[in-house]
Amino acid sequence: MVAQSRAPLVSLNLARNRLQQAGAEELLKAMEHGHESRLQTLELHGNVDLGDSFFSRVVMASRRNCRSIVPFDPLQSALEMCKAGCYSVDLTGVHWGAHGMEQLAAAMSNRRVRLSTLILNNVRLTDRDMQCLCDVLNHGFGIEQLDVSWNRLTAVGAESMSSALQAPGCPLVHLDLGYNSIGDDGARSFAFALESPPQRLTVPRGSPVHVDAVDVTDAHVANAERRVLRVLRLAGNGVGVAGAECLACALRHDLSALCELHLCSNRVGVAGAMSFANVLANPRRSLCTLDLAVNRLGDKGCQALAEGLIRGLGGLAPPPAPLTLNLRSNSIGDEGVSALATALSRGAPLLGLDLSYNRITGAGTSALANALEHCRSSSSPDRTITTLRLEGNPTGVEAQAMIASSVRAST
């Protein structure tokens, strides 16, 4: 069927079936003879293990276009995928042996590797494993998006990653360390990396040199100048006031290019919110998404953030970048929401606001509705709020409908 199909097949999911040797061979023949194949995603997990040689042939047959293959033996298959130049490897939930990370790091060091996304969610990753991975990143090759959430990383692993981020040519743009145990010390390490000026490779144009056993060419010089961390996720890491203050201090520097910071389910508190208020007060900030959900901010923390948004309006043109702010589950009441409403009515550039599961009543929602009405009549279209979440609050049906109508009218 695959061989006879005239329509270009871009995704094929055969997971959790009864694929046997005969059927697998037919599939492989179709892939090997399909010169115009556009297959980009292939899932084969949950079938019988057909052996490493079969998977190697699958990888080679699909190497032109296929960006993701979910195979049988995840670790061994990931190694083959790296060798074949695939773009994405997902090893979520795979518990490898003592040398699994070393094997993966060695495969990633291959010069032909084009891997851009690596997902190591819940693989029992340790600080030692992180050091192996960072050794690869230190050479300026490899991944742009890295997910190492739900592992066993501490401040030691965070320090290794921080050093890798400061290395010349580090390609990492999106980093997720959510639900580890890096604490305030780990947050401090990342703050140091964010506020440090990006290092650049200084090599003569057109003349490759040898750096740490890796040939460096013009392309790597360009990468060193272009790639900067944009998204940092540190949810559920036990980051307290001290860590929040360090991160906020780093984000106040103009050298930081971070666009998204996610600190959900930490212990930032009111003092930490006050520190981030100073970030929002900087009209030249690069930050456009701040996630402080489940951080015990209360009304005082919310008021501090609102005051920071207002202070950010006092600078010279251009105005601050639009901000998406997540304040879910922070015990915020009408006083805190009224402060945000005041900021909105004065032109604070809030593009998205999540206030779900707080303590907001009808009075708070009325203040928000009035602010949205004021924004609709006075703000430019690109600076009006487009997303507002209030579910889980004791606001009442009428207030919810009023807010929904105001948001629709402003978009």
Protein backbone atom coordinates (compact mmCIF):
# COMPACT_ATOMS: atom_id res chain seq x y z
CA MET A 1 0.00 0.00 0.00
CA VAL A 2 2.84 2.38 0.86
CA ALA A 3 4.59 1.62 -2.42
CA GLN A 4 1.42 2.03 -4.51
CA SER A 5 0.14 5.20 -2.89
CA ARG A 6 0.32 8.26 -5.15
CA ALA A 7 -0.34 10.78 -2.40
CA PRO A 8 2.84 11.90 -0.58
CA LEU A 9 2.95 10.18 2.83
CA VAL A 10 4.46 12.50 5.46
CA SER A 11 3.51 10.66 8.69
CA LEU A 12 3.16 6.95 9.41
CA ASN A 13 2.16 5.58 12.83
CA LEU A 14 2.35 1.79 13.20
CA ALA A 15 2.87 1.81 16.96
CA ARG A 16 1.47 -0.96 19.18
CA ASN A 17 0.45 -3.32 16.38
CA ARG A 18 1.53 -6.84 15.42
CA LEU A 19 4.17 -5.94 12.88
CA GLN A 20 6.21 -9.07 12.09
CA GLN A 21 9.29 -9.73 9.99
CA ALA A 22 7.43 -10.19 6.67
CA GLY A 23 5.44 -6.98 7.00
CA ALA A 24 8.48 -5.08 8.18
CA GLU A 25 10.45 -6.22 5.14
CA GLU A 26 7.68 -5.03 2.80
CA LEU A 27 7.63 -1.65 4.53
CA LEU A 28 11.39 -1.41 4.26
CA LYS A 29 11.39 -2.27 0.54
CA ALA A 30 8.82 0.46 -0.10
CA MET A 31 10.95 2.98 1.79
CA GLU A 32 14.19 1.94 0.09
CA HIS A 33 12.70 2.18 -3.41
CA GLY A 34 10.65 5.29 -2.77
CA HIS A 35 13.00 7.86 -4.27
CA GLU A 36 10.46 10.63 -3.87
CA SER A 37 9.58 9.73 -0.30
CA ARG A 38 8.51 12.67 1.88
CA LEU A 39 8.07 10.70 5.08
CA GLN A 40 8.91 12.94 8.05
CA THR A 41 7.56 10.98 11.04
CA LEU A 42 7.64 7.21 11.56
CA GLU A 43 6.48 5.41 14.73
CA LEU A 44 7.20 1.70 15.18
CA HIS A 45 7.32 1.29 18.95
CA GLY A 46 5.17 -1.34 20.64
CA ASN A 47 5.88 -4.02 18.03
CA VAL A 48 8.33 -6.89 18.14
CA ASP A 49 12.01 -6.01 18.16
CA LEU A 50 13.19 -6.64 14.61
CA GLY A 51 16.86 -6.09 15.39
CA ASP A 52 19.42 -3.33 15.07
CA SER A 53 20.24 -4.11 11.43
CA PHE A 54 16.61 -3.62 10.43
CA PHE A 55 16.42 -0.31 12.22
CA SER A 56 19.70 0.85 10.67
CA ARG A 57 18.24 0.16 7.22
CA VAL A 58 15.08 2.07 8.15
CA VAL A 59 17.12 5.07 9.23
CA MET A 60 19.22 5.02 6.08
CA ALA A 61 16.15 4.67 3.86
CA SER A 62 14.43 7.65 5.46
CA ARG A 63 17.42 9.88 6.16
CA ARG A 64 16.62 12.43 3.43
CA ASN A 65 13.43 13.82 4.94
CA CYS A 66 12.50 11.90 8.08
CA ARG A 67 13.00 14.06 11.16
CA SER A 68 11.57 11.77 13.84
CA ILE A 69 11.59 7.98 14.26
CA VAL A 70 10.18 6.27 17.34
CA PRO A 71 11.71 2.78 17.20
CA PHE A 72 12.12 -0.42 19.22
CA ASP A 73 15.18 -0.22 21.49
CA PRO A 74 15.09 3.51 22.26
CA LEU A 75 18.72 4.08 23.24
CA GLN A 76 20.27 2.02 20.47
CA SER A 77 17.91 3.55 17.98
CA ALA A 78 18.79 7.06 19.19
CA LEU A 79 22.44 6.29 18.50
CA GLU A 80 21.60 5.15 14.98
CA MET A 81 19.45 8.23 14.43
CA CYS A 82 22.32 10.50 15.44
CA LYS A 83 24.65 8.74 13.02
CA ALA A 84 22.13 9.07 10.18
CA GLY A 85 21.62 12.79 10.76
CA CYS A 86 18.07 12.89 12.15
CA TYR A 87 16.81 16.13 13.63
CA SER A 88 14.87 14.98 16.71
CA VAL A 89 15.38 12.30 19.36
CA ASP A 90 12.80 11.62 22.09
CA LEU A 91 13.87 9.24 24.89
CA THR A 92 11.10 10.09 27.36
CA GLY A 93 10.87 7.51 30.14
CA VAL A 94 13.81 5.40 28.92
CA HIS A 95 15.94 4.17 31.83
CA TRP A 96 19.31 3.33 30.37
CA GLY A 97 22.32 1.74 32.06
CA ALA A 98 25.35 3.29 33.71
CA HIS A 99 26.95 4.33 30.41
CA GLY A 100 23.87 5.29 28.39
CA MET A 101 24.51 9.02 28.47
CA GLU A 102 28.15 8.50 27.53
CA GLN A 103 27.09 6.50 24.47
CA LEU A 104 24.57 9.12 23.44
CA ALA A 105 27.07 11.95 23.94
CA ALA A 106 29.64 10.12 21.82
CA ALA A 107 27.10 9.64 19.03
CA MET A 108 26.12 13.31 19.16
CA SER A 109 29.77 14.33 18.76
CA ASN A 110 29.83 12.90 15.24
CA ARG A 111 30.50 15.60 12.63
CA ARG A 112 27.48 14.58 10.55
CA VAL A 113 25.00 15.05 13.39
CA ARG A 114 22.16 17.49 12.62
CA LEU A 115 20.27 16.90 15.87
CA SER A 116 18.30 19.99 16.87
CA THR A 117 15.86 18.62 19.49
CA LEU A 118 16.73 16.22 22.32
CA ILE A 119 14.09 15.15 24.86
CA LEU A 120 15.39 13.35 27.96
CA ASN A 121 12.29 13.70 30.12
CA ASN A 122 12.18 11.30 33.11
CA VAL A 123 15.25 9.23 32.23
CA ARG A 124 16.82 9.40 35.71
CA LEU A 125 19.44 11.81 34.45
CA THR A 126 22.14 12.61 37.05
CA ASP A 127 24.61 15.46 37.43
CA ARG A 128 27.33 13.21 35.98
CA ASP A 129 25.17 12.53 32.93
CA MET A 130 24.60 16.25 32.52
CA GLN A 131 28.34 16.86 32.48
CA CYS A 132 28.71 14.37 29.59
CA LEU A 133 26.00 16.17 27.68
CA CYS A 134 27.49 19.59 28.37
CA ASP A 135 30.87 18.45 27.07
CA VAL A 136 29.18 18.05 23.67
CA LEU A 137 27.50 21.46 23.90
CA ASN A 138 30.79 23.09 24.85
CA HIS A 139 32.09 22.31 21.36
CA GLY A 140 29.41 24.43 19.71
CA PHE A 141 27.70 21.52 17.96
CA GLY A 142 24.35 19.88 18.48
CA ILE A 143 21.00 20.71 19.92
CA GLU A 144 18.96 23.88 19.94
CA GLN A 145 16.12 22.55 22.13
CA LEU A 146 16.87 20.43 25.20
CA ASP A 147 14.33 18.95 27.62
CA VAL A 148 15.84 17.37 30.76
CA SER A 149 12.78 17.83 32.98
CA TRP A 150 11.66 15.38 35.69
CA ASN A 151 15.13 14.01 36.43
CA ARG A 152 17.62 13.96 39.33
CA LEU A 153 19.59 17.11 38.61
CA THR A 154 20.86 19.33 41.41
CA ALA A 155 22.74 22.62 41.55
CA VAL A 156 25.83 20.75 40.32
CA GLY A 157 24.12 19.81 37.05
CA ALA A 158 22.79 23.36 36.71
CA GLU A 159 26.31 24.70 37.07
CA SER A 160 27.52 22.40 34.28
CA MET A 161 24.74 23.61 32.00
CA SER A 162 25.45 27.23 32.91
CA SER A 163 29.06 26.78 31.82
CA ALA A 164 27.92 25.22 28.55
CA LEU A 165 25.64 28.19 27.87
CA GLN A 166 28.62 30.52 28.15
CA ALA A 167 30.79 28.48 25.78
CA PRO A 168 31.51 30.01 22.36
CA GLY A 169 29.06 28.74 19.79
CA CYS A 170 26.66 26.99 22.17
CA PRO A 171 23.57 26.43 19.98
CA LEU A 172 21.01 26.07 22.78
CA VAL A 173 17.92 28.26 22.39
CA HIS A 174 15.26 26.42 24.44
CA LEU A 175 16.12 24.75 27.77
CA ASP A 176 13.68 22.88 30.05
CA LEU A 177 14.98 21.79 33.48
CA GLY A 178 11.56 21.65 35.08
CA TYR A 179 10.94 19.48 38.15
CA ASN A 180 14.49 18.77 39.21
CA SER A 181 16.16 19.96 42.43
CA ILE A 182 18.51 22.77 41.45
CA GLY A 183 17.33 25.17 44.18
CA ASP A 184 18.60 28.70 44.69
CA ASP A 185 22.21 27.75 43.91
CA GLY A 186 21.20 26.35 40.53
CA ALA A 187 19.14 29.45 39.76
CA ARG A 188 22.15 31.57 40.68
CA SER A 189 24.27 29.65 38.14
CA PHE A 190 21.78 30.33 35.37
CA ALA A 191 21.57 33.98 36.38
CA PHE A 192 25.33 34.25 35.95
CA ALA A 193 25.06 32.76 32.45
CA LEU A 194 22.23 35.13 31.50
CA GLU A 195 24.04 38.28 32.54
CA SER A 196 27.42 37.27 31.09
CA PRO A 197 28.25 38.69 27.65
CA PRO A 198 28.13 36.00 24.95
CA GLN A 199 31.57 34.67 24.12
CA ARG A 200 32.59 34.67 20.49
CA LEU A 201 35.02 32.54 18.62
CA THR A 202 37.92 34.58 17.28
CA VAL A 203 39.22 32.76 14.24
CA PRO A 204 40.36 34.19 10.92
CA ARG A 205 37.64 34.19 8.29
CA GLY A 206 37.93 31.24 5.93
CA SER A 207 40.64 29.45 7.91
CA PRO A 208 39.55 26.51 10.09
CA VAL A 209 41.42 26.04 13.36
CA HIS A 210 41.51 23.25 15.91
CA VAL A 211 39.68 23.90 19.18
CA ASP A 212 39.33 21.06 21.68
CA ALA A 213 39.66 18.43 18.94
CA VAL A 214 36.91 20.08 16.87
CA ASP A 215 37.42 21.88 13.57
CA VAL A 216 35.91 25.37 13.72
CA THR A 217 34.85 27.09 10.50
CA ASP A 218 33.01 30.24 9.48
CA ALA A 219 29.66 28.55 10.15
CA HIS A 220 30.56 28.04 13.78
CA VAL A 221 31.67 31.66 14.09
CA ALA A 222 28.25 32.70 12.81
CA ASN A 223 26.57 30.36 15.31
CA ALA A 224 28.59 31.83 18.15
CA GLU A 225 27.37 35.29 17.25
CA ARG A 226 23.75 34.33 16.58
CA ARG A 227 22.64 31.68 19.09
CA VAL A 228 21.46 32.91 22.50
CA LEU A 229 19.19 31.22 25.05
CA ARG A 230 15.63 32.45 24.54
CA VAL A 231 13.46 30.12 26.67
CA LEU A 232 14.32 28.87 30.18
CA ARG A 233 11.97 26.57 32.12
CA LEU A 234 12.74 25.99 35.81
CA ALA A 235 9.33 24.94 37.15
CA GLY A 236 9.21 22.90 40.35
CA ASN A 237 12.88 23.28 41.32
CA GLY A 238 12.61 24.69 44.82
CA VAL A 239 13.73 28.15 43.71
CA GLY A 240 13.12 30.62 46.53
CA VAL A 241 13.53 34.35 47.07
CA ALA A 242 17.33 34.29 46.74
CA GLY A 243 17.26 32.46 43.41
CA ALA A 244 14.45 34.66 42.09
CA GLU A 245 16.36 37.79 43.00
CA CYS A 246 19.45 36.53 41.14
CA LEU A 247 17.45 35.71 38.01
CA ALA A 248 15.65 39.05 38.12
CA CYS A 249 18.93 40.91 38.53
CA ALA A 250 20.33 39.12 35.47
CA LEU A 251 17.25 39.97 33.40
CA ARG A 252 17.65 43.66 34.19
CA HIS A 253 20.91 43.64 32.24
CA ASP A 254 20.61 44.63 28.60
CA LEU A 255 22.92 41.73 27.70
CA SER A 256 20.17 39.21 28.49
CA ALA A 257 18.16 38.11 25.46
CA LEU A 258 15.85 35.74 27.33
CA CYS A 259 12.28 35.94 26.01
CA GLU A 260 10.52 33.40 28.26
CA LEU A 261 11.11 32.51 31.91
CA HIS A 262 8.96 29.81 33.51
CA LEU A 263 9.13 29.52 37.32
CA CYS A 264 5.84 27.77 38.03
CA SER A 265 5.55 25.85 41.33
CA ASN A 266 8.50 27.37 43.16
CA ARG A 267 8.78 29.58 46.28
CA VAL A 268 9.28 33.02 44.76
CA GLY A 269 6.92 34.79 47.20
CA VAL A 270 6.24 38.50 47.55
CA ALA A 271 9.93 39.46 47.77
CA GLY A 272 10.69 37.60 44.55
CA ALA A 273 7.75 39.28 42.81
CA MET A 274 9.16 42.66 43.83
CA SER A 275 12.45 41.73 42.17
CA PHE A 276 10.69 40.79 38.94
CA ALA A 277 8.75 44.05 39.11
CA ASN A 278 12.07 45.80 38.49
CA VAL A 279 12.51 43.68 35.35
CA LEU A 280 9.09 44.73 34.07
CA ALA A 281 9.98 48.36 34.78
CA ASN A 282 12.78 48.22 32.21
CA PRO A 283 11.31 49.45 28.88
CA ARG A 284 14.16 47.72 27.00
CA ARG A 285 13.52 44.29 28.49
CA SER A 286 13.65 41.29 26.18
CA LEU A 287 11.34 39.24 28.43
CA CYS A 288 7.90 38.70 26.88
CA THR A 289 6.63 35.71 28.94
CA LEU A 290 6.86 35.43 32.74
CA ASP A 291 5.33 32.39 34.44
CA LEU A 292 5.00 32.79 38.22
CA ALA A 293 2.08 30.42 38.74
CA VAL A 294 1.82 28.69 42.14
CA ASN A 295 4.35 30.88 43.95
CA ARG A 296 2.43 32.36 46.91
CA LEU A 297 2.46 35.91 45.57
CA GLY A 298 -0.83 37.08 47.07
CA ASP A 299 -2.19 40.59 46.57
CA LYS A 300 1.09 42.25 47.54
CA GLY A 301 3.09 40.34 44.96
CA CYS A 302 0.50 41.07 42.28
CA GLN A 303 0.48 44.77 43.19
CA ALA A 304 4.28 44.89 42.94
CA LEU A 305 4.19 43.42 39.42
CA ALA A 306 1.48 45.87 38.39
CA GLU A 307 3.56 48.79 39.69
CA GLY A 308 6.53 47.51 37.71
CA LEU A 309 4.44 47.48 34.53
CA ILE A 310 3.38 51.08 35.17
CA ARG A 311 6.96 52.20 35.82
CA GLY A 312 7.99 50.62 32.52
CA LEU A 313 5.69 53.01 30.68
CA GLY A 314 7.66 56.06 31.79
CA GLY A 315 10.64 55.46 29.50
CA LEU A 316 11.33 56.83 26.07
CA ALA A 317 10.14 55.21 22.84
CA PRO A 318 9.98 52.46 21.75
CA PRO A 319 7.45 51.18 24.32
CA PRO A 320 8.05 47.90 26.19
CA ALA A 321 7.40 44.61 24.44
CA PRO A 322 3.96 43.00 25.01
CA LEU A 323 4.01 40.63 27.99
CA THR A 324 2.27 37.34 28.76
CA LEU A 325 1.93 36.94 32.53
CA ASN A 326 0.90 33.73 34.32
CA LEU A 327 -0.28 34.29 37.92
CA ARG A 328 -2.42 31.17 38.31
CA SER A 329 -3.02 29.80 41.85
CA ASN A 330 -1.40 32.59 43.84
CA SER A 331 -4.19 33.50 46.31
CA ILE A 332 -4.72 36.82 44.52
CA GLY A 333 -7.85 38.73 45.47
CA ASP A 334 -9.63 41.87 44.33
CA GLU A 335 -6.89 44.22 45.58
CA GLY A 336 -4.23 42.62 43.44
CA VAL A 337 -6.49 42.44 40.39
CA SER A 338 -7.46 46.10 40.80
CA ALA A 339 -3.78 47.01 40.63
CA LEU A 340 -3.43 45.07 37.38
CA ALA A 341 -6.56 46.76 36.04
CA THR A 342 -5.00 50.14 36.77
CA ALA A 343 -1.86 49.12 34.90
CA LEU A 344 -3.96 47.99 31.93
CA SER A 345 -5.93 51.22 31.81
CA ARG A 346 -2.66 53.19 31.76
CA GLY A 347 -1.44 51.25 28.74
CA ALA A 348 0.58 48.42 30.23
CA PRO A 349 1.43 46.07 27.33
CA LEU A 350 -0.24 42.90 28.61
CA LEU A 351 -0.93 40.51 25.76
CA GLY A 352 -1.98 37.51 27.88
CA LEU A 353 -2.96 37.21 31.55
CA ASP A 354 -3.73 34.03 33.49
CA LEU A 355 -5.48 34.68 36.81
CA SER A 356 -7.23 31.32 37.11
CA TYR A 357 -7.74 29.62 40.48
CA ASN A 358 -7.29 32.66 42.67
CA ARG A 359 -9.70 34.52 45.00
CA ILE A 360 -11.15 37.10 42.62
CA THR A 361 -14.79 38.10 43.08
CA GLY A 362 -17.17 40.22 41.05
CA ALA A 363 -15.55 43.49 42.18
CA GLY A 364 -12.20 42.46 40.75
CA THR A 365 -13.67 41.29 37.47
CA SER A 366 -15.61 44.55 37.12
CA ALA A 367 -12.37 46.50 37.49
CA LEU A 368 -10.77 44.32 34.81
CA ALA A 369 -13.74 44.75 32.48
CA ASN A 370 -13.59 48.53 32.82
CA ALA A 371 -9.86 48.50 32.13
CA LEU A 372 -10.37 46.35 29.03
CA GLU A 373 -13.06 48.72 27.78
CA HIS A 374 -10.67 51.63 28.24
CA CYS A 375 -7.93 49.73 26.36
CA ARG A 376 -10.27 48.93 23.51
CA SER A 377 -11.01 52.58 22.89
CA SER A 378 -7.49 53.94 23.32
CA SER A 379 -4.83 51.29 22.64
CA SER A 380 -3.34 50.31 19.33
CA PRO A 381 -4.55 46.90 18.07
CA ASP A 382 -1.19 45.19 18.62
CA ARG A 383 -1.14 46.10 22.31
CA THR A 384 -4.57 44.93 23.45
CA ILE A 385 -4.97 41.85 25.64
CA THR A 386 -5.95 38.77 23.66
CA THR A 387 -6.06 36.05 26.35
CA LEU A 388 -7.51 36.36 29.84
CA ARG A 389 -8.18 33.32 32.04
CA LEU A 390 -10.31 33.58 35.17
CA GLU A 391 -11.69 30.08 35.67
CA GLY A 392 -11.63 28.73 39.21
CA ASN A 393 -12.46 32.10 40.83
CA PRO A 394 -15.63 32.96 42.79
CA THR A 395 -16.58 35.61 40.24
CA GLY A 396 -20.03 34.48 39.22
CA VAL A 397 -21.44 33.71 35.79
CA GLU A 398 -22.36 37.30 34.91
CA ALA A 399 -18.89 38.62 35.67
CA GLN A 400 -17.27 35.85 33.62
CA ALA A 401 -19.53 36.67 30.68
CA MET A 402 -18.72 40.37 30.99
CA ILE A 403 -14.98 39.68 30.90
CA ALA A 404 -15.31 37.33 27.93
CA SER A 405 -17.27 39.94 26.03
CA SER A 406 -14.65 42.61 26.81
CA VAL A 407 -11.80 40.41 25.59
CA ARG A 408 -13.65 39.58 22.36
CA ALA A 409 -14.35 43.22 21.75
CA SER A 410 -10.72 44.19 22.23
CA THR A 411 -9.31 41.61 19.80
